Structure formats: C-alpha cells, structure tokens
C-alpha cells in the first residue's frame, strides 16, 4: 500500500513536472511574443513620430509656398495696375498727338 502510494506520488510529481514544463514553455512563448509586440510598438511609435515631423515639415513648406504665391499675386496685381495706368497714359498721349496732328493739318491747309 505504501509502495502504491509512492508510485502514485511519483506519477503525480511526473505529471506536475510535465504541466510545469508545458507552462514554462507557454510562458517563454508569451514572453517572446510580448517582446516582439513591444518592438513592433516601438517601431510604430517611431514611425508615427517621423510621420508627424514629416507632416509638420510639409505643412510648413505649404505655408511658405502659399505666402510666396500671395506675394506673387500681389506683385502681379500691382503690375497689372501699373500696365493699366501706362496704357491709359499712352492712350491720352496718342489722343493728344492725334489732336496736335489734326491741328497741324488744319493749320497747314
């Protein structure tokens, strides 16, 4: 009876050792999985930070281009106004010239 108890105890110990080994293997696998996921998370966070920096840089470039475009538009508007004024001045000079030529034609006739 004692021998049967010893055999059952040894069998139980063997079973428990097997379960322990299985659990340790599962723990190692899960620990490895956690480390892998932590690495992926770290990479994803770095990529996110890089993306945010890239987005900020692109936004800054867009703002600079928008400012340059506004300055170009303002210069273009000023040049159009200047051209309009010069055309009016030329038309006025042409009219004056035509009037003087007509006056000279009348006087010479």
PDB file of N, CA and C in Angstrom:
ATOM      1  N   UNK A   1       0.814  -1.166   0.000  1.00  0.00           N
ATOM      2  CA  UNK A   1       0.000   0.000   0.000  1.00  0.00           C
ATOM      3  C   UNK A   1       0.877   1.257   0.000  1.00  0.00           C
ATOM      4  N   UNK A   2       1.886   1.255   0.791  1.00  0.00           N
ATOM      5  CA  UNK A   2       2.824   2.368   0.819  1.00  0.00           C
ATOM      6  C   UNK A   2       3.545   2.469  -0.521  1.00  0.00           C
ATOM      7  N   UNK A   3       3.871   1.352  -1.084  1.00  0.00           N
ATOM      8  CA  UNK A   3       4.531   1.362  -2.388  1.00  0.00           C
ATOM      9  C   UNK A   3       3.598   1.911  -3.450  1.00  0.00           C
ATOM     10  N   UNK A   4       2.315   1.554  -3.356  1.00  0.00           N
ATOM     11  CA  UNK A   4       1.331   2.107  -4.305  1.00  0.00           C
ATOM     12  C   UNK A   4       1.236   3.628  -4.148  1.00  0.00           C
ATOM     13  N   UNK A   5       1.271   4.055  -2.899  1.00  0.00           N
ATOM     14  CA  UNK A   5       1.211   5.499  -2.626  1.00  0.00           C
ATOM     15  C   UNK A   5       2.440   6.195  -3.183  1.00  0.00           C
ATOM     16  N   UNK A   6       3.597   5.579  -3.040  1.00  0.00           N
ATOM     17  CA  UNK A   6       4.842   6.146  -3.562  1.00  0.00           C
ATOM     18  C   UNK A   6       4.773   6.207  -5.081  1.00  0.00           C
ATOM     19  N   UNK A   7       4.262   5.156  -5.707  1.00  0.00           N
ATOM     20  CA  UNK A   7       4.140   5.128  -7.171  1.00  0.00           C
ATOM     21  C   UNK A   7       3.180   6.223  -7.639  1.00  0.00           C
ATOM     22  N   UNK A   8       2.053   6.348  -6.948  1.00  0.00           N
ATOM     23  CA  UNK A   8       1.088   7.403  -7.312  1.00  0.00           C
ATOM     24  C   UNK A   8       1.692   8.790  -7.100  1.00  0.00           C
ATOM     25  N   UNK A   9       2.443   8.953  -6.031  1.00  0.00           N
ATOM     26  CA  UNK A   9       3.085  10.244  -5.759  1.00  0.00           C
ATOM     27  C   UNK A   9       4.116  10.566  -6.832  1.00  0.00           C
ATOM     28  N   UNK A  10       4.908   9.556  -7.211  1.00  0.00           N
ATOM     29  CA  UNK A  10       5.907   9.778  -8.262  1.00  0.00           C
ATOM     30  C   UNK A  10       5.217  10.102  -9.584  1.00  0.00           C
ATOM     31  N   UNK A  11       4.112   9.416  -9.852  1.00  0.00           N
ATOM     32  CA  UNK A  11       3.354   9.673 -11.078  1.00  0.00           C
ATOM     33  C   UNK A  11       2.778  11.092 -11.053  1.00  0.00           C
ATOM     34  N   UNK A  12       2.262  11.485  -9.883  1.00  0.00           N
ATOM     35  CA  UNK A  12       1.707  12.836  -9.747  1.00  0.00           C
ATOM     36  C   UNK A  12       2.810  13.879  -9.926  1.00  0.00           C
ATOM     37  N   UNK A  13       3.988  13.590  -9.346  1.00  0.00           N
ATOM     38  CA  UNK A  13       5.119  14.516  -9.489  1.00  0.00           C
ATOM     39  C   UNK A  13       5.522  14.616 -10.949  1.00  0.00           C
ATOM     40  N   UNK A  14       5.540  13.492 -11.652  1.00  0.00           N
ATOM     41  CA  UNK A  14       5.888  13.491 -13.073  1.00  0.00           C
ATOM     42  C   UNK A  14       4.855  14.288 -13.861  1.00  0.00           C
ATOM     43  N   UNK A  15       3.585  14.089 -13.545  1.00  0.00           N
ATOM     44  CA  UNK A  15       2.522  14.846 -14.216  1.00  0.00           C
ATOM     45  C   UNK A  15       2.667  16.341 -13.941  1.00  0.00           C
ATOM     46  N   UNK A  16       2.912  16.670 -12.681  1.00  0.00           N
ATOM     47  CA  UNK A  16       3.071  18.082 -12.300  1.00  0.00           C
ATOM     48  C   UNK A  16       4.302  18.672 -12.983  1.00  0.00           C
ATOM     49  N   UNK A  17       5.408  17.897 -13.023  1.00  0.00           N
ATOM     50  CA  UNK A  17       6.603  18.378 -13.729  1.00  0.00           C
ATOM     51  C   UNK A  17       6.304  18.622 -15.203  1.00  0.00           C
ATOM     52  N   UNK A  18       5.532  17.721 -15.820  1.00  0.00           N
ATOM     53  CA  UNK A  18       5.158  17.894 -17.231  1.00  0.00           C
ATOM     54  C   UNK A  18       4.309  19.141 -17.436  1.00  0.00           C
ATOM     55  N   UNK A  19       3.344  19.328 -16.534  1.00  0.00           N
ATOM     56  CA  UNK A  19       2.492  20.526 -16.606  1.00  0.00           C
ATOM     57  C   UNK A  19       3.331  21.790 -16.407  1.00  0.00           C
ATOM     58  N   UNK A  20       4.265  21.714 -15.424  1.00  0.00           N
ATOM     59  CA  UNK A  20       5.146  22.858 -15.167  1.00  0.00           C
ATOM     60  C   UNK A  20       5.974  23.166 -16.406  1.00  0.00           C
ATOM     61  N   UNK A  21       6.546  22.138 -17.031  1.00  0.00           N
ATOM     62  CA  UNK A  21       7.351  22.341 -18.236  1.00  0.00           C
ATOM     63  C   UNK A  21       6.507  22.945 -19.358  1.00  0.00           C
ATOM     64  N   UNK A  22       5.285  22.448 -19.507  1.00  0.00           N
ATOM     65  CA  UNK A  22       4.373  22.997 -20.522  1.00  0.00           C
ATOM     66  C   UNK A  22       4.079  24.467 -20.232  1.00  0.00           C
ATOM     67  N   UNK A  23       3.798  24.777 -18.983  1.00  0.00           N
ATOM     68  CA  UNK A  23       3.508  26.164 -18.607  1.00  0.00           C
ATOM     69  C   UNK A  23       4.734  27.060 -18.806  1.00  0.00           C
ATOM     70  N   UNK A  24       5.925  26.535 -18.462  1.00  0.00           N
ATOM     71  CA  UNK A  24       7.143  27.320 -18.673  1.00  0.00           C
ATOM     72  C   UNK A  24       7.363  27.596 -20.162  1.00  0.00           C
ATOM     73  N   UNK A  25       7.094  26.584 -20.997  1.00  0.00           N
ATOM     74  CA  UNK A  25       7.211  26.793 -22.446  1.00  0.00           C
ATOM     75  C   UNK A  25       6.216  27.841 -22.931  1.00  0.00           C
ATOM     76  N   UNK A  26       4.986  27.752 -22.433  1.00  0.00           N
ATOM     77  CA  UNK A  26       3.981  28.749 -22.798  1.00  0.00           C
ATOM     78  C   UNK A  26       4.393  30.142 -22.324  1.00  0.00           C
ATOM     79  N   UNK A  27       4.952  30.210 -21.113  1.00  0.00           N
ATOM     80  CA  UNK A  27       5.412  31.486 -20.574  1.00  0.00           C
ATOM     81  C   UNK A  27       6.525  32.064 -21.443  1.00  0.00           C
ATOM     82  N   UNK A  28       7.466  31.210 -21.857  1.00  0.00           N
ATOM     83  CA  UNK A  28       8.546  31.667 -22.730  1.00  0.00           C
ATOM     84  C   UNK A  28       7.996  32.172 -24.064  1.00  0.00           C
ATOM     85  N   UNK A  29       7.050  31.413 -24.641  1.00  0.00           N
ATOM     86  CA  UNK A  29       6.445  31.834 -25.915  1.00  0.00           C
ATOM     87  C   UNK A  29       5.739  33.171 -25.762  1.00  0.00           C
ATOM     88  N   UNK A  30       4.992  33.312 -24.699  1.00  0.00           N
ATOM     89  CA  UNK A  30       4.243  34.553 -24.480  1.00  0.00           C
ATOM     90  C   UNK A  30       5.191  35.716 -24.175  1.00  0.00           C
ATOM     91  N   UNK A  31       6.252  35.425 -23.431  1.00  0.00           N
ATOM     92  CA  UNK A  31       7.254  36.464 -23.157  1.00  0.00           C
ATOM     93  C   UNK A  31       7.904  36.917 -24.450  1.00  0.00           C
ATOM     94  N   UNK A  32       8.236  35.954 -25.304  1.00  0.00           N
ATOM     95  CA  UNK A  32       8.814  36.280 -26.618  1.00  0.00           C
ATOM     96  C   UNK A  32       7.813  37.099 -27.436  1.00  0.00           C
ATOM     97  N   UNK A  33       6.548  36.700 -27.402  1.00  0.00           N
ATOM     98  CA  UNK A  33       5.505  37.424 -28.143  1.00  0.00           C
ATOM     99  C   UNK A  33       5.384  38.857 -27.614  1.00  0.00           C
ATOM    100  N   UNK A  34       5.409  39.026 -26.288  1.00  0.00           N
ATOM    101  CA  UNK A  34       5.323  40.366 -25.693  1.00  0.00           C
ATOM    102  C   UNK A  34       6.504  41.213 -26.136  1.00  0.00           C
ATOM    103  N   UNK A  35       7.707  40.643 -26.116  1.00  0.00           N
ATOM    104  CA  UNK A  35       8.901  41.392 -26.547  1.00  0.00           C
ATOM    105  C   UNK A  35       8.795  41.774 -28.024  1.00  0.00           C
ATOM    106  N   UNK A  36       8.308  40.823 -28.830  1.00  0.00           N
ATOM    107  CA  UNK A  36       8.130  41.110 -30.266  1.00  0.00           C
ATOM    108  C   UNK A  36       7.128  42.244 -30.462  1.00  0.00           C
ATOM    109  N   UNK A  37       6.007  42.181 -29.741  1.00  0.00           N
ATOM    110  CA  UNK A  37       4.979  43.219 -29.853  1.00  0.00           C
ATOM    111  C   UNK A  37       5.486  44.558 -29.324  1.00  0.00           C
ATOM    112  N   UNK A  38       6.275  44.524 -28.240  1.00  0.00           N
ATOM    113  CA  UNK A  38       6.859  45.767 -27.731  1.00  0.00           C
ATOM    114  C   UNK A  38       7.788  46.385 -28.770  1.00  0.00           C
ATOM    115  N   UNK A  39       8.567  45.532 -29.458  1.00  0.00           N
ATOM    116  CA  UNK A  39       9.445  46.028 -30.526  1.00  0.00           C
ATOM    117  C   UNK A  39       8.649  46.639 -31.656  1.00  0.00           C
ATOM    118  N   UNK A  40       7.585  45.955 -32.035  1.00  0.00           N
ATOM    119  CA  UNK A  40       6.726  46.493 -33.101  1.00  0.00           C
ATOM    120  C   UNK A  40       6.082  47.808 -32.680  1.00  0.00           C
ATOM    121  N   UNK A  41       5.645  47.862 -31.435  1.00  0.00           N
ATOM    122  CA  UNK A  41       5.044  49.090 -30.921  1.00  0.00           C
ATOM    123  C   UNK A  41       6.058  50.227 -30.941  1.00  0.00           C
ATOM    124  N   UNK A  42       7.281  49.923 -30.508  1.00  0.00           N
ATOM    125  CA  UNK A  42       8.338  50.949 -30.531  1.00  0.00           C
ATOM    126  C   UNK A  42       8.589  51.442 -31.946  1.00  0.00           C
ATOM    127  N   UNK A  43       8.652  50.500 -32.907  1.00  0.00           N
ATOM    128  CA  UNK A  43       8.849  50.887 -34.308  1.00  0.00           C
ATOM    129  C   UNK A  43       7.682  51.721 -34.808  1.00  0.00           C
ATOM    130  N   UNK A  44       6.466  51.309 -34.444  1.00  0.00           N
ATOM    131  CA  UNK A  44       5.280  52.044 -34.882  1.00  0.00           C
ATOM    132  C   UNK A  44       5.267  53.454 -34.297  1.00  0.00           C
ATOM    133  N   UNK A  45       5.678  53.575 -33.032  1.00  0.00           N
ATOM    134  CA  UNK A  45       5.719  54.902 -32.407  1.00  0.00           C
ATOM    135  C   UNK A  45       6.772  55.789 -33.070  1.00  0.00           C
ATOM    136  N   UNK A  46       7.918  55.184 -33.408  1.00  0.00           N
ATOM    137  CA  UNK A  46       8.947  55.953 -34.115  1.00  0.00           C
ATOM    138  C   UNK A  46       8.437  56.390 -35.479  1.00  0.00           C
ATOM    139  N   UNK A  47       7.780  55.462 -36.192  1.00  0.00           N
ATOM    140  CA  UNK A  47       7.210  55.807 -37.500  1.00  0.00           C
ATOM    141  C   UNK A  47       6.167  56.902 -37.364  1.00  0.00           C
ATOM    142  N   UNK A  48       5.374  56.815 -36.307  1.00  0.00           N
ATOM    143  CA  UNK A  48       4.350  57.839 -36.066  1.00  0.00           C
ATOM    144  C   UNK A  48       5.004  59.198 -35.820  1.00  0.00           C
ATOM    145  N   UNK A  49       6.039  59.210 -34.989  1.00  0.00           N
ATOM    146  CA  UNK A  49       6.741  60.464 -34.709  1.00  0.00           C
ATOM    147  C   UNK A  49       7.374  61.021 -35.983  1.00  0.00           C
ATOM    148  N   UNK A  50       7.967  60.129 -36.784  1.00  0.00           N
ATOM    149  CA  UNK A  50       8.564  60.559 -38.054  1.00  0.00           C
ATOM    150  C   UNK A  50       7.483  61.123 -38.972  1.00  0.00           C
ATOM    151  N   UNK A  51       6.343  60.448 -39.014  1.00  0.00           N
ATOM    152  CA  UNK A  51       5.241  60.915 -39.859  1.00  0.00           C
ATOM    153  C   UNK A  51       4.745  62.280 -39.397  1.00  0.00           C
ATOM    154  N   UNK A  52       4.656  62.470 -38.094  1.00  0.00           N
ATOM    155  CA  UNK A  52       4.227  63.777 -37.574  1.00  0.00           C
ATOM    156  C   UNK A  52       5.231  64.865 -37.950  1.00  0.00           C
ATOM    157  N   UNK A  53       6.518  64.543 -37.846  1.00  0.00           N
ATOM    158  CA  UNK A  53       7.554  65.514 -38.212  1.00  0.00           C
ATOM    159  C   UNK A  53       7.482  65.815 -39.711  1.00  0.00           C
ATOM    160  N   UNK A  54       7.289  64.765 -40.518  1.00  0.00           N
ATOM    161  CA  UNK A  54       7.161  64.958 -41.966  1.00  0.00           C
ATOM    162  C   UNK A  54       5.943  65.809 -42.290  1.00  0.00           C
ATOM    163  N   UNK A  55       4.841  65.529 -41.607  1.00  0.00           N
ATOM    164  CA  UNK A  55       3.615  66.291 -41.842  1.00  0.00           C
ATOM    165  C   UNK A  55       3.810  67.756 -41.467  1.00  0.00           C
ATOM    166  N   UNK A  56       4.497  68.000 -40.365  1.00  0.00           N
ATOM    167  CA  UNK A  56       4.762  69.383 -39.947  1.00  0.00           C
ATOM    168  C   UNK A  56       5.661  70.078 -40.966  1.00  0.00           C
ATOM    169  N   UNK A  57       6.643  69.359 -41.477  1.00  0.00           N
ATOM    170  CA  UNK A  57       7.551  69.926 -42.475  1.00  0.00           C
ATOM    171  C   UNK A  57       6.796  70.253 -43.758  1.00  0.00           C
ATOM    172  N   UNK A  58       5.954  69.329 -44.196  1.00  0.00           N
ATOM    173  CA  UNK A  58       5.161  69.565 -45.413  1.00  0.00           C
ATOM    174  C   UNK A  58       4.212  70.738 -45.199  1.00  0.00           C
ATOM    175  N   UNK A  59       3.612  70.821 -44.023  1.00  0.00           N
ATOM    176  CA  UNK A  59       2.703  71.937 -43.718  1.00  0.00           C
ATOM    177  C   UNK A  59       3.465  73.256 -43.762  1.00  0.00           C
ATOM    178  N   UNK A  60       4.682  73.265 -43.204  1.00  0.00           N
ATOM    179  CA  UNK A  60       5.490  74.480 -43.223  1.00  0.00           C
ATOM    180  C   UNK A  60       5.843  74.867 -44.657  1.00  0.00           C
ATOM    181  N   UNK A  61       6.205  73.868 -45.466  1.00  0.00           N
ATOM    182  CA  UNK A  61       6.519  74.147 -46.873  1.00  0.00           C
ATOM    183  C   UNK A  61       5.293  74.678 -47.603  1.00  0.00           C
ATOM    184  N   UNK A  62       4.130  74.091 -47.319  1.00  0.00           N
ATOM    185  CA  UNK A  62       2.893  74.562 -47.947  1.00  0.00           C
ATOM    186  C   UNK A  62       2.602  75.998 -47.538  1.00  0.00           C
ATOM    187  N   UNK A  63       2.822  76.310 -46.268  1.00  0.00           N
ATOM    188  CA  UNK A  63       2.600  77.685 -45.802  1.00  0.00           C
ATOM    189  C   UNK A  63       3.549  78.656 -46.498  1.00  0.00           C
ATOM    190  N   UNK A  64       4.806  78.232 -46.654  1.00  0.00           N
ATOM    191  CA  UNK A  64       5.784  79.099 -47.329  1.00  0.00           C
ATOM    192  C   UNK A  64       5.393  79.294 -48.799  1.00  0.00           C
ATOM    193  N   UNK A  65       4.962  78.223 -49.445  1.00  0.00           N
ATOM    194  CA  UNK A  65       4.536  78.331 -50.842  1.00  0.00           C
ATOM    195  C   UNK A  65       3.294  79.208 -50.965  1.00  0.00           C
ATOM    196  N   UNK A  66       2.364  79.074 -50.019  1.00  0.00           N
ATOM    197  CA  UNK A  66       1.157  79.904 -50.020  1.00  0.00           C
ATOM    198  C   UNK A  66       1.531  81.379 -49.850  1.00  0.00           C
ATOM    199  N   UNK A  67       2.480  81.643 -48.956  1.00  0.00           N
ATOM    200  CA  UNK A  67       2.931  83.014 -48.745  1.00  0.00           C
ATOM    201  C   UNK A  67       3.606  83.552 -50.013  1.00  0.00           C
ATOM    202  N   UNK A  68       4.443  82.732 -50.643  1.00  0.00           N
ATOM    203  CA  UNK A  68       5.114  83.151 -51.879  1.00  0.00           C
ATOM    204  C   UNK A  68       4.090  83.401 -52.976  1.00  0.00           C
ATOM    205  N   UNK A  69       3.065  82.551 -53.038  1.00  0.00           N
ATOM    206  CA  UNK A  69       2.012  82.736 -54.036  1.00  0.00           C
ATOM    207  C   UNK A  69       1.248  84.025 -53.774  1.00  0.00           C
ATOM    208  N   UNK A  70       0.943  84.307 -52.518  1.00  0.00           N
ATOM    209  CA  UNK A  70       0.248  85.555 -52.182  1.00  0.00           C
ATOM    210  C   UNK A  70       1.096  86.767 -52.562  1.00  0.00           C
ATOM    211  N   UNK A  71       2.403  86.689 -52.287  1.00  0.00           N
ATOM    212  CA  UNK A  71       3.297  87.782 -52.662  1.00  0.00           C
ATOM    213  C   UNK A  71       3.351  87.934 -54.183  1.00  0.00           C
ATOM    214  N   UNK A  72       3.396  86.801 -54.881  1.00  0.00           N
ATOM    215  CA  UNK A  72       3.409  86.830 -56.351  1.00  0.00           C
ATOM    216  C   UNK A  72       2.115  87.433 -56.876  1.00  0.00           C
ATOM    217  N   UNK A  73       0.982  87.030 -56.283  1.00  0.00           N
ATOM    218  CA  UNK A  73      -0.309  87.584 -56.700  1.00  0.00           C
ATOM    219  C   UNK A  73      -0.374  89.083 -56.460  1.00  0.00           C
ATOM    220  N   UNK A  74       0.152  89.533 -55.319  1.00  0.00           N
ATOM    221  CA  UNK A  74       0.149  90.967 -55.012  1.00  0.00           C
ATOM    222  C   UNK A  74       1.018  91.719 -56.022  1.00  0.00           C
ATOM    223  N   UNK A  75       2.179  91.168 -56.341  1.00  0.00           N
ATOM    224  CA  UNK A  75       3.061  91.805 -57.337  1.00  0.00           C
ATOM    225  C   UNK A  75       2.398  91.813 -58.707  1.00  0.00           C
ATOM    226  N   UNK A  76       1.758  90.719 -59.057  1.00  0.00           N
ATOM    227  CA  UNK A  76       1.048  90.632 -60.332  1.00  0.00           C
ATOM    228  C   UNK A  76      -0.066  91.676 -60.404  1.00  0.00           C
ATOM    229  N   UNK A  77      -0.796  91.844 -59.313  1.00  0.00           N
ATOM    230  CA  UNK A  77      -1.870  92.842 -59.265  1.00  0.00           C
ATOM    231  C   UNK A  77      -1.292  94.242 -59.428  1.00  0.00           C
ATOM    232  N   UNK A  78      -0.174  94.506 -58.752  1.00  0.00           N
ATOM    233  CA  UNK A  78       0.465  95.816 -58.861  1.00  0.00           C
ATOM    234  C   UNK A  78       0.948  96.067 -60.289  1.00  0.00           C
ATOM    235  N   UNK A  79       1.527  95.038 -60.912  1.00  0.00           N
ATOM    236  CA  UNK A  79       1.998  95.187 -62.291  1.00  0.00           C
ATOM    237  C   UNK A  79       0.832  95.394 -63.251  1.00  0.00           C
ATOM    238  N   UNK A  80      -0.278  94.723 -63.026  1.00  0.00           N
ATOM    239  CA  UNK A  80      -1.465  94.923 -63.867  1.00  0.00           C
ATOM    240  C   UNK A  80      -1.972  96.355 -63.737  1.00  0.00           C
ATOM    241  N   UNK A  81      -1.975  96.838 -62.503  1.00  0.00           N
ATOM    242  CA  UNK A  81      -2.429  98.225 -62.284  1.00  0.00           C
ATOM    243  C   UNK A  81      -1.473  99.195 -62.966  1.00  0.00           C
ATOM    244  N   UNK A  82      -0.186  98.939 -62.847  1.00  0.00           N
ATOM    245  CA  UNK A  82       0.809  99.789 -63.494  1.00  0.00           C
ATOM    246  C   UNK A  82       0.633  99.750 -65.008  1.00  0.00           C
ATOM    247  N   UNK A  83       0.410  98.565 -65.570  1.00  0.00           N
ATOM    248  CA  UNK A  83       0.192  98.431 -67.011  1.00  0.00           C
ATOM    249  C   UNK A  83      -1.065  99.183 -67.426  1.00  0.00           C
ATOM    250  N   UNK A  84      -2.118  99.049 -66.662  1.00  0.00           N
ATOM    251  CA  UNK A  84      -3.371  99.768 -66.957  1.00  0.00           C
ATOM    252  C   UNK A  84      -3.133 101.279 -66.968  1.00  0.00           C
ATOM    253  N   UNK A  85      -2.404 101.755 -65.960  1.00  0.00           N
ATOM    254  CA  UNK A  85      -2.111 103.191 -65.890  1.00  0.00           C
ATOM    255  C   UNK A  85      -1.271 103.638 -67.090  1.00  0.00           C
ATOM    256  N   UNK A  86      -0.293 102.837 -67.454  1.00  0.00           N
ATOM    257  CA  UNK A  86       0.562 103.196 -68.589  1.00  0.00           C
ATOM    258  C   UNK A  86      -0.204 103.161 -69.904  1.00  0.00           C
ATOM    259  N   UNK A  87      -1.134 102.196 -70.037  1.00  0.00           N
ATOM    260  CA  UNK A  87      -1.977 102.145 -71.243  1.00  0.00           C
ATOM    261  C   UNK A  87      -2.848 103.389 -71.309  1.00  0.00           C
ATOM    262  N   UNK A  88      -3.426 103.774 -70.179  1.00  0.00           N
ATOM    263  CA  UNK A  88      -4.248 104.995 -70.164  1.00  0.00           C
ATOM    264  C   UNK A  88      -3.399 106.220 -70.509  1.00  0.00           C
ATOM    265  N   UNK A  89      -2.201 106.272 -69.951  1.00  0.00           N
ATOM    266  CA  UNK A  89      -1.313 107.400 -70.234  1.00  0.00           C
ATOM    267  C   UNK A  89      -0.939 107.413 -71.722  1.00  0.00           C
ATOM    268  N   UNK A  90      -0.637 106.228 -72.279  1.00  0.00           N
ATOM    269  CA  UNK A  90      -0.312 106.138 -73.703  1.00  0.00           C
ATOM    270  C   UNK A  90      -1.502 106.545 -74.564  1.00  0.00           C
ATOM    271  N   UNK A  91      -2.693 106.096 -74.174  1.00  0.00           N
ATOM    272  CA  UNK A  91      -3.896 106.477 -74.935  1.00  0.00           C
ATOM    273  C   UNK A  91      -4.114 107.981 -74.882  1.00  0.00           C
ATOM    274  N   UNK A  92      -3.882 108.551 -73.710  1.00  0.00           N
ATOM    275  CA  UNK A  92      -4.009 110.007 -73.585  1.00  0.00           C
ATOM    276  C   UNK A  92      -2.989 110.720 -74.456  1.00  0.00           C
ATOM    277  N   UNK A  93      -1.752 110.229 -74.461  1.00  0.00           N
ATOM    278  CA  UNK A  93      -0.705 110.834 -75.283  1.00  0.00           C
ATOM    279  C   UNK A  93      -1.030 110.659 -76.762  1.00  0.00           C
ATOM    280  N   UNK A  94      -1.579 109.490 -77.114  1.00  0.00           N
ATOM    281  CA  UNK A  94      -1.951 109.248 -78.516  1.00  0.00           C
ATOM    282  C   UNK A  94      -3.062 110.201 -78.945  1.00  0.00           C
ATOM    283  N   UNK A  95      -4.035 110.381 -78.081  1.00  0.00           N
ATOM    284  CA  UNK A  95      -5.124 111.320 -78.398  1.00  0.00           C
ATOM    285  C   UNK A  95      -4.596 112.746 -78.549  1.00  0.00           C
ATOM    286  N   UNK A  96      -3.701 113.121 -77.648  1.00  0.00           N
ATOM    287  CA  UNK A  96      -3.109 114.457 -77.731  1.00  0.00           C
ATOM    288  C   UNK A  96      -2.304 114.599 -79.024  1.00  0.00           C
ATOM    289  N   UNK A  97      -1.556 113.552 -79.358  1.00  0.00           N
ATOM    290  CA  UNK A  97      -0.759 113.571 -80.586  1.00  0.00           C
ATOM    291  C   UNK A  97      -1.668 113.684 -81.809  1.00  0.00           C
ATOM    292  N   UNK A  98      -2.748 112.893 -81.809  1.00  0.00           N
ATOM    293  CA  UNK A  98      -3.690 112.950 -82.928  1.00  0.00           C
ATOM    294  C   UNK A  98      -4.321 114.337 -83.036  1.00  0.00           C
ATOM    295  N   UNK A  99      -4.655 114.911 -81.879  1.00  0.00           N
ATOM    296  CA  UNK A  99      -5.251 116.253 -81.889  1.00  0.00           C
ATOM    297  C   UNK A  99      -4.252 117.268 -82.429  1.00  0.00           C
ATOM    298  N   UNK A 100      -2.984 117.158 -82.023  1.00  0.00           N
ATOM    299  CA  UNK A 100      -1.959 118.088 -82.491  1.00  0.00           C
ATOM    300  C   UNK A 100      -1.716 117.893 -83.996  1.00  0.00           C
ATOM    301  N   UNK A 101      -1.731 116.623 -84.431  1.00  0.00           N
ATOM    302  CA  UNK A 101      -1.539 116.358 -85.861  1.00  0.00           C
ATOM    303  C   UNK A 101      -2.707 116.927 -86.673  1.00  0.00           C
ATOM    304  N   UNK A 102      -3.906 116.770 -86.131  1.00  0.00           N
ATOM    305  CA  UNK A 102      -5.092 117.340 -86.814  1.00  0.00           C
ATOM    306  C   UNK A 102      -4.983 118.865 -86.832  1.00  0.00           C
ATOM    307  N   UNK A 103      -4.558 119.434 -85.721  1.00  0.00           N
ATOM    308  CA  UNK A 103      -4.399 120.881 -85.653  1.00  0.00           C
ATOM    309  C   UNK A 103      -3.326 121.354 -86.650  1.00  0.00           C
ATOM    310  N   UNK A 104      -2.231 120.596 -86.712  1.00  0.00           N
ATOM    311  CA  UNK A 104      -1.169 120.950 -87.673  1.00  0.00           C
ATOM    312  C   UNK A 104      -1.658 120.791 -89.103  1.00  0.00           C
ATOM    313  N   UNK A 105      -2.466 119.787 -89.384  1.00  0.00           N
ATOM    314  CA  UNK A 105      -3.003 119.584 -90.722  1.00  0.00           C
ATOM    315  C   UNK A 105      -3.927 120.734 -91.106  1.00  0.00           C
ATOM    316  N   UNK A 106      -4.769 121.140 -90.123  1.00  0.00           N
ATOM    317  CA  UNK A 106      -5.671 122.242 -90.390  1.00  0.00           C
ATOM    318  C   UNK A 106      -4.889 123.515 -90.611  1.00  0.00           C
ATOM    319  N   UNK A 107      -3.869 123.748 -89.800  1.00  0.00           N
ATOM    320  CA  UNK A 107      -3.087 124.980 -89.936  1.00  0.00           C
ATOM    321  C   UNK A 107      -2.283 124.989 -91.233  1.00  0.00           C
ATOM    322  N   UNK A 108      -1.852 123.836 -91.664  1.00  0.00           N
ATOM    323  CA  UNK A 108      -1.039 123.810 -92.888  1.00  0.00           C
ATOM    324  C   UNK A 108      -1.912 123.831 -94.133  1.00  0.00           C
ATOM    325  N   UNK A 109      -3.180 123.627 -94.017  1.00  0.00           N
ATOM    326  CA  UNK A 109      -4.035 123.620 -95.189  1.00  0.00           C
ATOM    327  C   UNK A 109      -4.475 124.978 -95.636  1.00  0.00           C
TER     328      UNK A 109
END
